[in-house]
Amino acid sequence: MGLRERKKEKTRLAILDVALDLFLEQGYESTTVEQIAGAVEISPRTFFRYFTSKDHLALWHHDHGEEIMLETLASRPEDESPFTSLMHAMRAVVGDLEGSTPEDRARFLKLRRLMEDHPRLVGMSVARGAATERRLIEVIAARRGVDPDEDLLTPLIVAFAACTLRVGFECPRRDSGLPEITQRMAETIELAERSLRPGWDR
């Protein structure tokens, strides 16, 4: 990163950190954009340069994960099995979490606590995840040479792949740490691969 990009990233992370703390301390609904901006010592207008809304901020991890998956898919061989390519994309997300900084891990766990405490955010997260799945469907359909609006197998391939991360993320113990969560994600990916017969996604 250049100096300008580093400054922007520093501000973005400061906004995230302050917002997550405020959400957990005083409640998501009670926290305003103005409060977040004031705590970071920026204007609301500056806040909106980084996030389109408070909801966008709370779902920041979807943007990051989607970027990783799309970049991974773009790097996979064109003749590779679609499900295999998606499993590589899912593993890239898990690998990113495993290689994250202590600060990133803390953000991830705070976000998980926030989701558990605010069911409305869970619904929003599901809707945002569906948007990511739609983008993945378009990519996989293009690789398979089919119409994403007509083909039924492509959405199933993506749904099977996407649920591996979802099952892993929903680790049953509330106090689960990031190593436990990423291990569960990795184990779920392996289980999905073992459970499906070769060539089912062709």
Protein backbone atom coordinates (compact mmCIF):
# COMPACT_ATOMS: atom_id res chain seq x y z
CA MET A 1 0.00 0.00 0.00
CA GLY A 2 1.02 3.59 -0.58
CA LEU A 3 0.82 6.17 2.19
CA ARG A 4 -2.64 7.34 1.15
CA GLU A 5 -4.00 3.80 1.04
CA ARG A 6 -2.52 3.02 4.46
CA LYS A 7 -4.16 6.10 5.94
CA LYS A 8 -7.51 5.12 4.45
CA GLU A 9 -7.19 1.57 5.78
CA LYS A 10 -6.26 2.90 9.22
CA THR A 11 -9.37 5.09 9.26
CA ARG A 12 -11.59 2.24 8.04
CA LEU A 13 -10.34 -0.05 10.80
CA ALA A 14 -10.75 2.68 13.40
CA ILE A 15 -14.38 3.10 12.35
CA LEU A 16 -14.92 -0.66 12.55
CA ASP A 17 -13.34 -0.96 15.98
CA VAL A 18 -15.26 1.93 17.49
CA ALA A 19 -18.54 0.80 15.94
CA LEU A 20 -18.24 -2.80 17.13
CA ASP A 21 -17.45 -1.65 20.67
CA LEU A 22 -20.39 0.74 20.68
CA PHE A 23 -22.74 -1.89 19.25
CA LEU A 24 -21.79 -4.32 22.02
CA GLU A 25 -21.81 -1.73 24.80
CA GLN A 26 -25.04 0.11 24.10
CA GLY A 27 -26.86 -1.98 21.53
CA TYR A 28 -26.91 -1.97 17.76
CA GLU A 29 -30.20 -0.13 17.37
CA SER A 30 -29.22 2.53 19.90
CA THR A 31 -25.95 3.38 18.17
CA THR A 32 -26.03 6.05 15.48
CA VAL A 33 -23.69 6.90 12.64
CA GLU A 34 -23.16 10.28 14.28
CA GLN A 35 -21.97 8.62 17.50
CA ILE A 36 -19.58 6.38 15.62
CA ALA A 37 -18.19 9.25 13.59
CA GLY A 38 -17.80 11.44 16.68
CA ALA A 39 -15.91 8.72 18.55
CA VAL A 40 -13.47 8.40 15.64
CA GLU A 41 -13.28 12.21 15.32
CA ILE A 42 -14.51 12.29 11.75
CA SER A 43 -17.62 13.76 10.21
CA PRO A 44 -20.64 11.65 9.23
CA ARG A 45 -19.84 12.63 5.65
CA THR A 46 -16.40 11.03 6.01
CA PHE A 47 -18.01 7.93 7.53
CA PHE A 48 -20.06 7.50 4.36
CA ARG A 49 -16.91 7.49 2.26
CA TYR A 50 -16.05 4.16 3.89
CA PHE A 51 -19.44 2.60 4.55
CA THR A 52 -22.78 3.23 2.89
CA SER A 53 -24.69 2.73 6.15
CA LYS A 54 -24.50 1.34 9.66
CA ASP A 55 -25.83 -1.96 8.32
CA HIS A 56 -23.07 -2.08 5.70
CA LEU A 57 -20.52 -1.65 8.46
CA ALA A 58 -22.00 -4.50 10.51
CA LEU A 59 -21.77 -6.80 7.49
CA TRP A 60 -18.25 -5.77 6.41
CA HIS A 61 -16.99 -9.37 6.62
CA HIS A 62 -19.25 -10.37 3.72
CA ASP A 63 -17.50 -7.92 1.39
CA HIS A 64 -14.11 -9.24 2.41
CA GLY A 65 -15.07 -12.89 2.11
CA GLU A 66 -16.75 -12.37 -1.24
CA GLU A 67 -13.65 -10.68 -2.63
CA ILE A 68 -11.47 -13.59 -1.52
CA MET A 69 -13.79 -16.17 -3.08
CA LEU A 70 -14.12 -14.37 -6.40
CA GLU A 71 -10.36 -13.84 -6.66
CA THR A 72 -9.73 -17.51 -5.89
CA LEU A 73 -12.26 -18.71 -8.45
CA ALA A 74 -10.67 -16.49 -11.10
CA SER A 75 -7.33 -18.22 -10.46
CA ARG A 76 -8.63 -21.80 -10.72
CA PRO A 77 -8.17 -23.91 -13.90
CA GLU A 78 -11.12 -23.63 -16.27
CA ASP A 79 -11.45 -27.41 -16.60
CA GLU A 80 -11.54 -27.98 -12.84
CA SER A 81 -14.71 -29.39 -11.29
CA PRO A 82 -16.96 -26.45 -10.25
CA PHE A 83 -17.45 -27.79 -6.73
CA THR A 84 -13.71 -28.36 -6.33
CA SER A 85 -13.04 -24.77 -7.39
CA LEU A 86 -15.58 -23.54 -4.87
CA MET A 87 -14.01 -25.64 -2.12
CA HIS A 88 -10.69 -23.95 -2.88
CA ALA A 89 -12.49 -20.61 -2.58
CA MET A 90 -13.99 -21.60 0.77
CA ARG A 91 -10.60 -22.80 2.02
CA ALA A 92 -9.13 -19.44 1.01
CA VAL A 93 -11.61 -17.73 3.32
CA VAL A 94 -10.70 -20.08 6.15
CA GLY A 95 -7.00 -19.54 5.42
CA ASP A 96 -7.50 -15.79 5.56
CA LEU A 97 -9.09 -16.11 9.00
CA GLU A 98 -6.32 -18.41 10.22
CA GLY A 99 -3.68 -15.94 9.05
CA SER A 100 -5.42 -12.87 10.42
CA THR A 101 -3.82 -10.49 12.90
CA PRO A 102 -4.83 -10.49 16.58
CA GLU A 103 -6.79 -7.32 15.87
CA ASP A 104 -8.65 -8.94 12.98
CA ARG A 105 -9.45 -11.97 15.12
CA ALA A 106 -10.84 -9.72 17.85
CA ARG A 107 -13.07 -7.99 15.29
CA PHE A 108 -14.32 -11.30 13.98
CA LEU A 109 -15.27 -12.54 17.46
CA LYS A 110 -16.95 -9.24 18.34
CA LEU A 111 -18.96 -9.49 15.16
CA ARG A 112 -20.01 -13.03 16.04
CA ARG A 113 -21.17 -11.87 19.48
CA LEU A 114 -23.08 -9.03 17.85
CA MET A 115 -24.88 -11.46 15.54
CA GLU A 116 -25.84 -13.68 18.45
CA ASP A 117 -27.27 -10.74 20.39
CA HIS A 118 -29.21 -9.15 17.51
CA PRO A 119 -31.40 -11.55 15.48
CA ARG A 120 -32.24 -8.80 12.96
CA LEU A 121 -28.59 -8.69 11.97
CA VAL A 122 -28.67 -12.44 11.37
CA GLY A 123 -31.47 -11.92 8.87
CA MET A 124 -29.51 -9.15 7.18
CA SER A 125 -26.43 -11.37 7.09
CA VAL A 126 -28.40 -14.16 5.44
CA ALA A 127 -29.68 -11.72 2.81
CA ARG A 128 -26.15 -10.42 2.18
CA GLY A 129 -24.89 -13.98 1.93
CA ALA A 130 -27.58 -14.71 -0.65
CA ALA A 131 -26.25 -11.82 -2.74
CA THR A 132 -22.77 -13.36 -2.62
CA GLU A 133 -24.21 -16.72 -3.65
CA ARG A 134 -25.85 -15.06 -6.61
CA ARG A 135 -22.50 -13.66 -7.75
CA LEU A 136 -20.92 -17.09 -7.31
CA ILE A 137 -23.74 -18.65 -9.33
CA GLU A 138 -23.01 -16.26 -12.20
CA VAL A 139 -19.30 -17.19 -12.10
CA ILE A 140 -19.92 -20.93 -11.95
CA ALA A 141 -22.61 -20.77 -14.65
CA ALA A 142 -20.15 -18.99 -16.94
CA ARG A 143 -17.53 -21.67 -16.27
CA ARG A 144 -20.08 -24.39 -17.06
CA GLY A 145 -21.42 -22.58 -20.12
CA VAL A 146 -25.02 -22.48 -18.88
CA ASP A 147 -27.66 -19.82 -18.27
CA PRO A 148 -27.70 -19.01 -14.53
CA ASP A 149 -31.43 -18.24 -14.71
CA GLU A 150 -32.31 -21.53 -16.36
CA ASP A 151 -29.88 -24.10 -14.96
CA LEU A 152 -30.78 -25.82 -11.68
CA LEU A 153 -27.51 -27.61 -10.98
CA THR A 154 -25.39 -24.47 -10.71
CA PRO A 155 -27.37 -22.98 -7.78
CA LEU A 156 -27.20 -26.36 -6.03
CA ILE A 157 -23.42 -26.52 -6.47
CA VAL A 158 -23.05 -23.05 -4.97
CA ALA A 159 -25.54 -23.73 -2.16
CA PHE A 160 -23.74 -26.91 -1.12
CA ALA A 161 -20.42 -25.08 -1.10
CA ALA A 162 -21.68 -22.00 0.72
CA CYS A 163 -23.33 -23.97 3.51
CA THR A 164 -19.95 -25.43 4.52
CA LEU A 165 -18.80 -22.05 5.79
CA ARG A 166 -22.19 -21.29 7.30
CA VAL A 167 -22.24 -24.54 9.31
CA GLY A 168 -18.69 -23.87 10.44
CA PHE A 169 -19.39 -20.29 11.46
CA GLU A 170 -22.39 -21.36 13.52
CA CYS A 171 -20.17 -23.12 16.04
CA PRO A 172 -22.50 -24.32 18.81
CA ARG A 173 -20.58 -22.94 21.78
CA ARG A 174 -20.98 -19.23 22.34
CA ASP A 175 -17.50 -18.91 23.81
CA SER A 176 -15.79 -20.65 20.89
CA GLY A 177 -12.55 -18.97 19.85
CA LEU A 178 -11.41 -18.37 16.28
CA PRO A 179 -9.22 -21.54 16.16
CA GLU A 180 -12.26 -23.65 17.05
CA ILE A 181 -14.41 -21.92 14.47
CA THR A 182 -11.89 -22.20 11.64
CA GLN A 183 -11.23 -25.85 12.53
CA ARG A 184 -14.96 -26.54 12.34
CA MET A 185 -15.11 -24.76 8.98
CA ALA A 186 -12.21 -26.84 7.64
CA GLU A 187 -13.74 -30.07 8.93
CA THR A 188 -17.09 -29.21 7.35
CA ILE A 189 -15.41 -28.60 3.97
CA GLU A 190 -13.69 -31.98 4.18
CA LEU A 191 -16.94 -33.68 5.16
CA ALA A 192 -18.76 -32.11 2.21
CA GLU A 193 -16.05 -33.31 -0.18
CA ARG A 194 -16.21 -36.87 1.19
CA SER A 195 -20.00 -36.98 1.11
CA LEU A 196 -20.51 -36.21 -2.58
CA ARG A 197 -19.67 -38.67 -5.34
CA PRO A 198 -17.08 -37.57 -7.94
CA GLY A 199 -18.54 -35.94 -11.03
CA TRP A 200 -21.88 -35.04 -9.49
CA ASP A 201 -21.38 -31.39 -10.42
CA ARG A 202 -20.78 -31.90 -14.12
